[in-house]
Amino acid sequence: MTRTQQNQQLSFLQDKIKLIRSAIFFNLSDSVLKLPTSLVTTLKVDDFGYVWFFVKKPNKNLMDFETEFPVRLDYFKKGVDYFLQIMGKAMVVTDPEEINSVLADAGQGLTLDSDMVVVKVKMLKAEFYEAQARAKSSWFSHALNSVTTWFRSPNSIGPNTYYPVS
């Protein structure tokens, strides 16, 4: 994939994430101590393919937790005709300069509360799904659609998959 294609994909994903903003954060690590699944609000998506957000700080010492781990972010918003599923590598941000920089970029006078921690996720794979409007249909129509899906090509339905960074 060329650099131009990567930039186009990243720009597309930035726009889509910016519109939805909220995601469910899933920590996919096998570690015993890990950041819990939670609802997050995206602060920004930078030009290097990182998604930045706050997560509630765990009750235990943050240094006991992994600082890098695999994650999934599910972006969905009622009334929006698409959703995104992003897989990547999360990193807990502890550098004060980096934190201040992302807070300044996010704007709105944001400050870091003592019970929050900043996390950035390097997007490795993003799956974009377009939601299809569901029209009201009879039980017969629903049954007919169910049967015909058995005979469709498996490649006819599915997400658009992006790899925004190499």
N, C-alpha and C. Protein backbone atom coordinates (compact mmCIF):
# COMPACT_ATOMS: atom_id res chain seq x y z
N MET A 1 0.85 -1.17 0.00
CA MET A 1 0.00 0.00 0.00
C MET A 1 0.89 1.24 0.00
N THR A 2 0.54 2.20 -0.80
CA THR A 2 1.35 3.41 -0.91
C THR A 2 1.08 4.33 0.28
N ARG A 3 1.97 5.28 0.47
CA ARG A 3 1.83 6.26 1.55
C ARG A 3 0.56 7.10 1.36
N THR A 4 0.23 7.42 0.11
CA THR A 4 -0.97 8.20 -0.18
C THR A 4 -2.23 7.44 0.22
N GLN A 5 -2.27 6.14 -0.08
CA GLN A 5 -3.42 5.32 0.30
C GLN A 5 -3.55 5.23 1.81
N GLN A 6 -2.41 5.09 2.50
CA GLN A 6 -2.44 5.05 3.96
C GLN A 6 -2.97 6.36 4.52
N ASN A 7 -2.53 7.48 3.97
CA ASN A 7 -3.00 8.79 4.43
C ASN A 7 -4.50 8.96 4.19
N GLN A 8 -4.99 8.47 3.05
CA GLN A 8 -6.42 8.55 2.75
C GLN A 8 -7.21 7.69 3.73
N GLN A 9 -6.72 6.49 4.00
CA GLN A 9 -7.42 5.63 4.96
C GLN A 9 -7.43 6.24 6.35
N LEU A 10 -6.29 6.78 6.77
CA LEU A 10 -6.21 7.40 8.08
C LEU A 10 -7.14 8.60 8.18
N SER A 11 -7.18 9.42 7.15
CA SER A 11 -8.06 10.58 7.12
C SER A 11 -9.53 10.15 7.20
N PHE A 12 -9.88 9.10 6.45
CA PHE A 12 -11.23 8.56 6.47
C PHE A 12 -11.59 8.12 7.89
N LEU A 13 -10.70 7.37 8.54
CA LEU A 13 -10.95 6.88 9.89
C LEU A 13 -11.02 8.02 10.90
N GLN A 14 -10.17 9.02 10.75
CA GLN A 14 -10.21 10.19 11.64
C GLN A 14 -11.58 10.86 11.58
N ASP A 15 -12.09 11.05 10.37
CA ASP A 15 -13.41 11.69 10.21
C ASP A 15 -14.52 10.86 10.84
N LYS A 16 -14.48 9.56 10.62
CA LYS A 16 -15.53 8.68 11.15
C LYS A 16 -15.49 8.62 12.67
N ILE A 17 -14.29 8.55 13.24
CA ILE A 17 -14.14 8.50 14.70
C ILE A 17 -14.57 9.82 15.31
N LYS A 18 -14.20 10.93 14.66
CA LYS A 18 -14.55 12.25 15.17
C LYS A 18 -16.07 12.43 15.27
N LEU A 19 -16.81 11.87 14.32
CA LEU A 19 -18.26 11.99 14.33
C LEU A 19 -18.88 11.19 15.48
N ILE A 20 -18.40 9.98 15.70
CA ILE A 20 -18.98 9.14 16.75
C ILE A 20 -18.43 9.49 18.13
N ARG A 21 -17.13 9.63 18.26
CA ARG A 21 -16.39 10.01 19.47
C ARG A 21 -16.38 8.98 20.59
N SER A 22 -17.49 8.31 20.88
CA SER A 22 -17.54 7.37 22.00
C SER A 22 -17.32 5.94 21.53
N ALA A 23 -16.62 5.19 22.36
CA ALA A 23 -16.34 3.79 22.04
C ALA A 23 -16.34 2.95 23.31
N ILE A 24 -16.50 1.67 23.12
CA ILE A 24 -16.31 0.73 24.23
C ILE A 24 -14.88 0.22 24.11
N PHE A 25 -14.13 0.36 25.20
CA PHE A 25 -12.73 -0.02 25.26
C PHE A 25 -12.65 -1.42 25.87
N PHE A 26 -12.07 -2.36 25.12
CA PHE A 26 -11.88 -3.73 25.59
C PHE A 26 -10.39 -4.00 25.69
N ASN A 27 -9.92 -4.34 26.89
CA ASN A 27 -8.53 -4.75 27.09
C ASN A 27 -8.45 -6.23 26.79
N LEU A 28 -7.68 -6.61 25.77
CA LEU A 28 -7.60 -8.00 25.33
C LEU A 28 -6.40 -8.75 25.92
N SER A 29 -5.78 -8.17 26.91
CA SER A 29 -4.62 -8.78 27.54
C SER A 29 -5.03 -10.00 28.37
N ASP A 30 -4.12 -10.92 28.54
CA ASP A 30 -4.34 -12.08 29.39
C ASP A 30 -3.85 -11.84 30.82
N SER A 31 -3.39 -10.65 31.09
CA SER A 31 -2.86 -10.30 32.41
C SER A 31 -3.96 -10.35 33.47
N VAL A 32 -3.56 -10.68 34.70
CA VAL A 32 -4.52 -10.70 35.81
C VAL A 32 -4.96 -9.28 36.15
N LEU A 33 -3.99 -8.36 36.22
CA LEU A 33 -4.31 -6.96 36.48
C LEU A 33 -4.35 -6.22 35.14
N LYS A 34 -5.53 -5.73 34.80
CA LYS A 34 -5.65 -5.00 33.54
C LYS A 34 -6.72 -3.94 33.66
N LEU A 35 -6.60 -2.92 32.81
CA LEU A 35 -7.61 -1.87 32.79
C LEU A 35 -8.94 -2.50 32.37
N PRO A 36 -10.02 -2.16 33.06
CA PRO A 36 -11.30 -2.81 32.77
C PRO A 36 -11.97 -2.30 31.49
N THR A 37 -12.89 -3.07 30.98
CA THR A 37 -13.73 -2.64 29.87
C THR A 37 -14.49 -1.41 30.31
N SER A 38 -14.51 -0.39 29.46
CA SER A 38 -15.19 0.84 29.84
C SER A 38 -15.59 1.65 28.62
N LEU A 39 -16.47 2.59 28.84
CA LEU A 39 -16.89 3.52 27.81
C LEU A 39 -15.91 4.68 27.81
N VAL A 40 -15.37 5.03 26.64
CA VAL A 40 -14.39 6.11 26.54
C VAL A 40 -14.84 7.13 25.51
N THR A 41 -14.35 8.34 25.66
CA THR A 41 -14.60 9.41 24.70
C THR A 41 -13.27 9.81 24.09
N THR A 42 -13.21 9.76 22.78
CA THR A 42 -11.97 10.06 22.06
C THR A 42 -11.60 11.52 22.21
N LEU A 43 -10.37 11.78 22.60
CA LEU A 43 -9.85 13.14 22.68
C LEU A 43 -9.38 13.61 21.32
N LYS A 44 -8.63 12.73 20.63
CA LYS A 44 -8.15 13.06 19.29
C LYS A 44 -7.62 11.80 18.62
N VAL A 45 -7.52 11.89 17.30
CA VAL A 45 -6.86 10.87 16.49
C VAL A 45 -5.76 11.61 15.75
N ASP A 46 -4.51 11.27 16.04
CA ASP A 46 -3.40 12.04 15.46
C ASP A 46 -3.00 11.49 14.09
N ASP A 47 -2.06 12.17 13.47
CA ASP A 47 -1.62 11.83 12.12
C ASP A 47 -0.71 10.60 12.07
N PHE A 48 -0.38 10.04 13.22
CA PHE A 48 0.44 8.83 13.28
C PHE A 48 -0.41 7.59 13.50
N GLY A 49 -1.74 7.77 13.56
CA GLY A 49 -2.65 6.64 13.72
C GLY A 49 -2.91 6.26 15.16
N TYR A 50 -2.71 7.19 16.10
CA TYR A 50 -3.01 6.95 17.50
C TYR A 50 -4.36 7.55 17.87
N VAL A 51 -5.17 6.79 18.61
CA VAL A 51 -6.43 7.27 19.17
C VAL A 51 -6.16 7.53 20.65
N TRP A 52 -6.49 8.75 21.11
CA TRP A 52 -6.20 9.17 22.48
C TRP A 52 -7.50 9.32 23.26
N PHE A 53 -7.50 8.87 24.54
CA PHE A 53 -8.69 8.99 25.39
C PHE A 53 -8.31 8.80 26.86
N PHE A 54 -9.25 9.13 27.74
CA PHE A 54 -9.11 8.91 29.18
C PHE A 54 -9.73 7.58 29.57
N VAL A 55 -9.16 6.94 30.59
CA VAL A 55 -9.74 5.76 31.21
C VAL A 55 -9.69 5.99 32.71
N LYS A 56 -10.70 5.52 33.42
CA LYS A 56 -10.70 5.64 34.87
C LYS A 56 -9.53 4.86 35.45
N LYS A 57 -8.78 5.51 36.32
CA LYS A 57 -7.61 4.89 36.93
C LYS A 57 -8.07 3.78 37.88
N PRO A 58 -7.43 2.62 37.82
CA PRO A 58 -7.79 1.52 38.73
C PRO A 58 -7.44 1.86 40.17
N ASN A 59 -8.08 1.15 41.11
CA ASN A 59 -7.84 1.39 42.54
C ASN A 59 -6.44 0.96 42.96
N LYS A 60 -5.89 0.00 42.27
CA LYS A 60 -4.54 -0.47 42.60
C LYS A 60 -3.51 0.45 41.97
N ASN A 61 -2.26 0.30 42.36
CA ASN A 61 -1.17 1.10 41.84
C ASN A 61 -1.03 0.88 40.33
N LEU A 62 -1.02 1.95 39.57
CA LEU A 62 -0.95 1.86 38.11
C LEU A 62 0.32 1.16 37.63
N MET A 63 1.40 1.24 38.40
CA MET A 63 2.67 0.61 38.01
C MET A 63 2.58 -0.92 38.04
N ASP A 64 1.55 -1.48 38.71
CA ASP A 64 1.37 -2.93 38.74
C ASP A 64 0.72 -3.46 37.46
N PHE A 65 0.22 -2.56 36.64
CA PHE A 65 -0.47 -2.93 35.42
C PHE A 65 0.48 -2.93 34.24
N GLU A 66 0.10 -3.62 33.17
CA GLU A 66 0.87 -3.58 31.94
C GLU A 66 0.80 -2.17 31.37
N THR A 67 1.88 -1.72 30.76
CA THR A 67 1.87 -0.40 30.13
C THR A 67 1.55 -0.49 28.64
N GLU A 68 1.68 -1.68 28.05
CA GLU A 68 1.32 -1.91 26.66
C GLU A 68 0.53 -3.22 26.58
N PHE A 69 -0.56 -3.20 25.81
CA PHE A 69 -1.42 -4.37 25.73
C PHE A 69 -2.34 -4.27 24.52
N PRO A 70 -2.84 -5.40 24.03
CA PRO A 70 -3.75 -5.38 22.88
C PRO A 70 -5.15 -4.92 23.30
N VAL A 71 -5.81 -4.19 22.41
CA VAL A 71 -7.15 -3.68 22.71
C VAL A 71 -8.05 -3.74 21.48
N ARG A 72 -9.33 -3.55 21.76
CA ARG A 72 -10.33 -3.37 20.71
C ARG A 72 -11.20 -2.19 21.13
N LEU A 73 -11.49 -1.33 20.18
CA LEU A 73 -12.38 -0.20 20.40
C LEU A 73 -13.58 -0.37 19.47
N ASP A 74 -14.78 -0.39 20.03
CA ASP A 74 -16.00 -0.49 19.24
C ASP A 74 -16.69 0.86 19.24
N TYR A 75 -16.72 1.51 18.08
CA TYR A 75 -17.36 2.82 17.92
C TYR A 75 -18.76 2.62 17.34
N PHE A 76 -19.76 3.10 18.07
CA PHE A 76 -21.15 3.01 17.62
C PHE A 76 -21.90 4.20 18.20
N LYS A 77 -22.81 4.75 17.41
CA LYS A 77 -23.65 5.84 17.89
C LYS A 77 -25.03 5.69 17.26
N LYS A 78 -26.03 5.73 18.08
CA LYS A 78 -27.40 5.61 17.60
C LYS A 78 -27.68 6.71 16.58
N GLY A 79 -28.28 6.35 15.47
CA GLY A 79 -28.61 7.31 14.44
C GLY A 79 -27.54 7.50 13.39
N VAL A 80 -26.35 6.95 13.61
CA VAL A 80 -25.27 7.02 12.63
C VAL A 80 -25.30 5.71 11.84
N ASP A 81 -25.18 5.79 10.53
CA ASP A 81 -25.39 4.62 9.68
C ASP A 81 -24.15 3.75 9.47
N TYR A 82 -23.21 3.80 10.40
CA TYR A 82 -22.04 2.94 10.33
C TYR A 82 -21.51 2.71 11.74
N PHE A 83 -20.64 1.73 11.88
CA PHE A 83 -19.89 1.56 13.12
C PHE A 83 -18.51 1.04 12.78
N LEU A 84 -17.60 1.23 13.72
CA LEU A 84 -16.19 0.87 13.52
C LEU A 84 -15.74 -0.07 14.62
N GLN A 85 -14.87 -0.98 14.25
CA GLN A 85 -14.21 -1.82 15.23
C GLN A 85 -12.71 -1.70 14.97
N ILE A 86 -12.00 -1.18 15.96
CA ILE A 86 -10.56 -0.93 15.80
C ILE A 86 -9.78 -1.86 16.71
N MET A 87 -8.79 -2.52 16.12
CA MET A 87 -7.88 -3.37 16.88
C MET A 87 -6.53 -2.66 16.91
N GLY A 88 -5.87 -2.73 18.05
CA GLY A 88 -4.59 -2.06 18.12
C GLY A 88 -3.84 -2.38 19.39
N LYS A 89 -2.80 -1.60 19.58
CA LYS A 89 -1.92 -1.76 20.74
C LYS A 89 -2.05 -0.50 21.59
N ALA A 90 -2.46 -0.66 22.83
CA ALA A 90 -2.65 0.46 23.74
C ALA A 90 -1.41 0.68 24.57
N MET A 91 -1.18 1.95 24.90
CA MET A 91 -0.07 2.32 25.76
C MET A 91 -0.58 3.33 26.79
N VAL A 92 -0.27 3.10 28.05
CA VAL A 92 -0.61 4.05 29.10
C VAL A 92 0.41 5.18 29.01
N VAL A 93 -0.10 6.41 28.94
CA VAL A 93 0.77 7.57 28.78
C VAL A 93 1.07 8.15 30.16
N THR A 94 2.37 8.24 30.47
CA THR A 94 2.78 8.78 31.77
C THR A 94 3.62 10.05 31.64
N ASP A 95 4.09 10.34 30.45
CA ASP A 95 4.93 11.52 30.22
C ASP A 95 4.06 12.79 30.32
N PRO A 96 4.36 13.68 31.29
CA PRO A 96 3.55 14.89 31.47
C PRO A 96 3.50 15.79 30.23
N GLU A 97 4.61 15.89 29.49
CA GLU A 97 4.61 16.72 28.28
C GLU A 97 3.66 16.17 27.23
N GLU A 98 3.68 14.86 27.07
CA GLU A 98 2.80 14.21 26.10
C GLU A 98 1.33 14.40 26.51
N ILE A 99 1.05 14.26 27.80
CA ILE A 99 -0.31 14.44 28.30
C ILE A 99 -0.77 15.87 28.08
N ASN A 100 0.06 16.84 28.44
CA ASN A 100 -0.30 18.25 28.26
C ASN A 100 -0.51 18.58 26.79
N SER A 101 0.28 17.99 25.92
CA SER A 101 0.16 18.24 24.49
C SER A 101 -1.18 17.75 23.96
N VAL A 102 -1.57 16.52 24.34
CA VAL A 102 -2.84 15.98 23.84
C VAL A 102 -4.02 16.74 24.44
N LEU A 103 -3.91 17.17 25.68
CA LEU A 103 -4.99 17.95 26.29
C LEU A 103 -5.14 19.30 25.61
N ALA A 104 -4.03 19.92 25.26
CA ALA A 104 -4.07 21.20 24.56
C ALA A 104 -4.67 21.03 23.16
N ASP A 105 -4.28 19.94 22.47
CA ASP A 105 -4.81 19.68 21.14
C ASP A 105 -6.31 19.38 21.16
N ALA A 106 -6.75 18.69 22.23
CA ALA A 106 -8.17 18.34 22.33
C ALA A 106 -9.01 19.58 22.62
N GLY A 107 -8.40 20.61 23.21
CA GLY A 107 -9.09 21.86 23.46
C GLY A 107 -10.10 21.77 24.58
N GLN A 108 -11.03 22.70 24.59
CA GLN A 108 -12.12 22.75 25.55
C GLN A 108 -11.65 22.85 26.99
N GLY A 109 -10.41 23.28 27.23
CA GLY A 109 -9.90 23.47 28.58
C GLY A 109 -9.87 22.20 29.41
N LEU A 110 -9.59 21.07 28.79
CA LEU A 110 -9.56 19.79 29.51
C LEU A 110 -8.37 19.73 30.45
N THR A 111 -8.59 19.10 31.59
CA THR A 111 -7.52 18.83 32.54
C THR A 111 -7.61 17.36 32.95
N LEU A 112 -6.50 16.83 33.39
CA LEU A 112 -6.44 15.43 33.80
C LEU A 112 -6.80 15.33 35.27
N ASP A 113 -7.92 14.67 35.57
CA ASP A 113 -8.31 14.42 36.96
C ASP A 113 -7.38 13.37 37.57
N SER A 114 -7.28 13.39 38.88
CA SER A 114 -6.40 12.43 39.56
C SER A 114 -6.90 10.99 39.45
N ASP A 115 -8.18 10.81 39.13
CA ASP A 115 -8.71 9.45 39.01
C ASP A 115 -8.77 8.96 37.56
N MET A 116 -8.07 9.69 36.65
CA MET A 116 -8.07 9.32 35.24
C MET A 116 -6.64 9.08 34.77
N VAL A 117 -6.52 8.29 33.70
CA VAL A 117 -5.24 8.03 33.08
C VAL A 117 -5.43 8.17 31.56
N VAL A 118 -4.42 8.70 30.87
CA VAL A 118 -4.48 8.86 29.42
C VAL A 118 -3.93 7.61 28.76
N VAL A 119 -4.66 7.15 27.76
CA VAL A 119 -4.26 5.97 26.99
C VAL A 119 -4.24 6.36 25.52
N LYS A 120 -3.24 5.85 24.80
CA LYS A 120 -3.22 6.02 23.35
C LYS A 120 -3.18 4.63 22.72
N VAL A 121 -3.92 4.49 21.61
CA VAL A 121 -4.00 3.21 20.92
C VAL A 121 -3.48 3.38 19.51
N LYS A 122 -2.49 2.59 19.15
CA LYS A 122 -1.98 2.57 17.78
C LYS A 122 -2.93 1.69 16.96
N MET A 123 -3.62 2.30 15.98
CA MET A 123 -4.56 1.54 15.15
C MET A 123 -3.78 0.62 14.22
N LEU A 124 -4.00 -0.67 14.36
CA LEU A 124 -3.36 -1.64 13.48
C LEU A 124 -4.32 -2.17 12.43
N LYS A 125 -5.59 -2.24 12.81
CA LYS A 125 -6.62 -2.74 11.89
C LYS A 125 -7.94 -2.08 12.25
N ALA A 126 -8.67 -1.64 11.25
CA ALA A 126 -9.98 -1.03 11.49
C ALA A 126 -10.99 -1.65 10.53
N GLU A 127 -12.10 -2.08 11.08
CA GLU A 127 -13.16 -2.64 10.25
C GLU A 127 -14.34 -1.67 10.28
N PHE A 128 -14.74 -1.24 9.10
CA PHE A 128 -15.82 -0.27 8.93
C PHE A 128 -17.05 -1.00 8.42
N TYR A 129 -18.12 -0.93 9.18
CA TYR A 129 -19.37 -1.59 8.81
C TYR A 129 -20.43 -0.54 8.53
N GLU A 130 -21.09 -0.66 7.39
CA GLU A 130 -22.21 0.22 7.10
C GLU A 130 -23.48 -0.48 7.56
N ALA A 131 -24.24 0.24 8.39
CA ALA A 131 -25.50 -0.31 8.87
C ALA A 131 -26.53 -0.21 7.76
N GLN A 132 -27.32 -1.22 7.61
CA GLN A 132 -28.35 -1.21 6.59
C GLN A 132 -29.68 -0.92 7.24
N ALA A 133 -30.43 -0.01 6.64
CA ALA A 133 -31.75 0.34 7.16
C ALA A 133 -32.65 -0.88 7.06
N ARG A 134 -33.39 -1.11 8.13
CA ARG A 134 -34.28 -2.26 8.15
C ARG A 134 -35.71 -1.78 7.96
N ALA A 135 -36.28 -2.18 6.87
CA ALA A 135 -37.68 -1.83 6.61
C ALA A 135 -38.57 -2.86 7.29
N LYS A 136 -39.76 -2.43 7.67
CA LYS A 136 -40.71 -3.37 8.25
C LYS A 136 -41.09 -4.37 7.18
N SER A 137 -41.13 -5.62 7.56
CA SER A 137 -41.48 -6.65 6.59
C SER A 137 -42.33 -7.71 7.27
N SER A 138 -43.00 -8.46 6.46
CA SER A 138 -43.85 -9.52 6.97
C SER A 138 -42.99 -10.71 7.40
N TRP A 139 -43.59 -11.64 8.11
CA TRP A 139 -42.85 -12.81 8.54
C TRP A 139 -42.40 -13.64 7.34
N PHE A 140 -43.22 -13.64 6.27
CA PHE A 140 -42.87 -14.39 5.07
C PHE A 140 -41.64 -13.78 4.40
N SER A 141 -41.62 -12.46 4.29
CA SER A 141 -40.48 -11.77 3.69
C SER A 141 -39.21 -12.02 4.51
N HIS A 142 -39.34 -11.98 5.82
CA HIS A 142 -38.20 -12.23 6.71
C HIS A 142 -37.68 -13.66 6.52
N ALA A 143 -38.59 -14.63 6.44
CA ALA A 143 -38.20 -16.02 6.26
C ALA A 143 -37.52 -16.22 4.91
N LEU A 144 -38.05 -15.59 3.86
CA LEU A 144 -37.46 -15.70 2.53
C LEU A 144 -36.04 -15.12 2.51
N ASN A 145 -35.85 -13.97 3.15
CA ASN A 145 -34.52 -13.36 3.24
C ASN A 145 -33.55 -14.26 3.99
N SER A 146 -34.02 -14.89 5.05
CA SER A 146 -33.16 -15.78 5.83
C SER A 146 -32.69 -16.96 4.99
N VAL A 147 -33.59 -17.53 4.20
CA VAL A 147 -33.24 -18.68 3.37
C VAL A 147 -32.28 -18.27 2.26
N THR A 148 -32.52 -17.12 1.63
CA THR A 148 -31.65 -16.71 0.52
C THR A 148 -30.25 -16.35 0.99
N THR A 149 -30.08 -15.95 2.24
CA THR A 149 -28.73 -15.65 2.71
C THR A 149 -27.85 -16.89 2.76
N TRP A 150 -28.46 -18.07 2.83
CA TRP A 150 -27.68 -19.31 2.83
C TRP A 150 -26.98 -19.51 1.50
N PHE A 151 -27.55 -18.97 0.42
CA PHE A 151 -27.03 -19.22 -0.92
C PHE A 151 -26.17 -18.08 -1.46
N ARG A 152 -26.03 -17.02 -0.70
CA ARG A 152 -25.19 -15.90 -1.14
C ARG A 152 -23.72 -16.25 -1.00
N SER A 153 -22.93 -15.56 -1.79
CA SER A 153 -21.48 -15.71 -1.68
C SER A 153 -21.03 -15.17 -0.34
N PRO A 154 -20.14 -15.84 0.37
CA PRO A 154 -19.69 -15.35 1.67
C PRO A 154 -18.97 -14.01 1.58
N ASN A 155 -18.47 -13.63 0.41
CA ASN A 155 -17.77 -12.36 0.26
C ASN A 155 -18.68 -11.20 -0.08
N SER A 156 -20.00 -11.45 -0.18
CA SER A 156 -20.90 -10.39 -0.60
C SER A 156 -21.27 -9.44 0.53
N ILE A 157 -21.10 -9.88 1.77
CA ILE A 157 -21.44 -9.04 2.91
C ILE A 157 -20.25 -9.01 3.86
N GLY A 158 -19.98 -7.86 4.43
CA GLY A 158 -18.91 -7.81 5.41
C GLY A 158 -18.33 -6.41 5.50
N PRO A 159 -17.35 -6.26 6.35
CA PRO A 159 -16.79 -4.94 6.58
C PRO A 159 -15.76 -4.55 5.52
N ASN A 160 -15.49 -3.26 5.49
CA ASN A 160 -14.33 -2.77 4.75
C ASN A 160 -13.21 -2.75 5.77
N THR A 161 -12.10 -3.39 5.48
CA THR A 161 -11.01 -3.49 6.44
C THR A 161 -9.88 -2.53 6.00
N TYR A 162 -9.38 -1.78 6.98
CA TYR A 162 -8.31 -0.82 6.73
C TYR A 162 -7.12 -1.14 7.63
N TYR A 163 -5.95 -0.89 7.10
CA TYR A 163 -4.71 -1.00 7.86
C TYR A 163 -4.04 0.34 7.76
N PRO A 164 -4.40 1.29 8.64
CA PRO A 164 -3.97 2.68 8.48
C PRO A 164 -2.48 2.93 8.67
N VAL A 165 -1.79 2.03 9.32
CA VAL A 165 -0.35 2.20 9.52
C VAL A 165 0.35 0.90 9.18
N SER A 166 1.61 1.02 8.76
CA SER A 166 2.34 -0.21 8.43
C SER A 166 3.43 -0.47 9.42
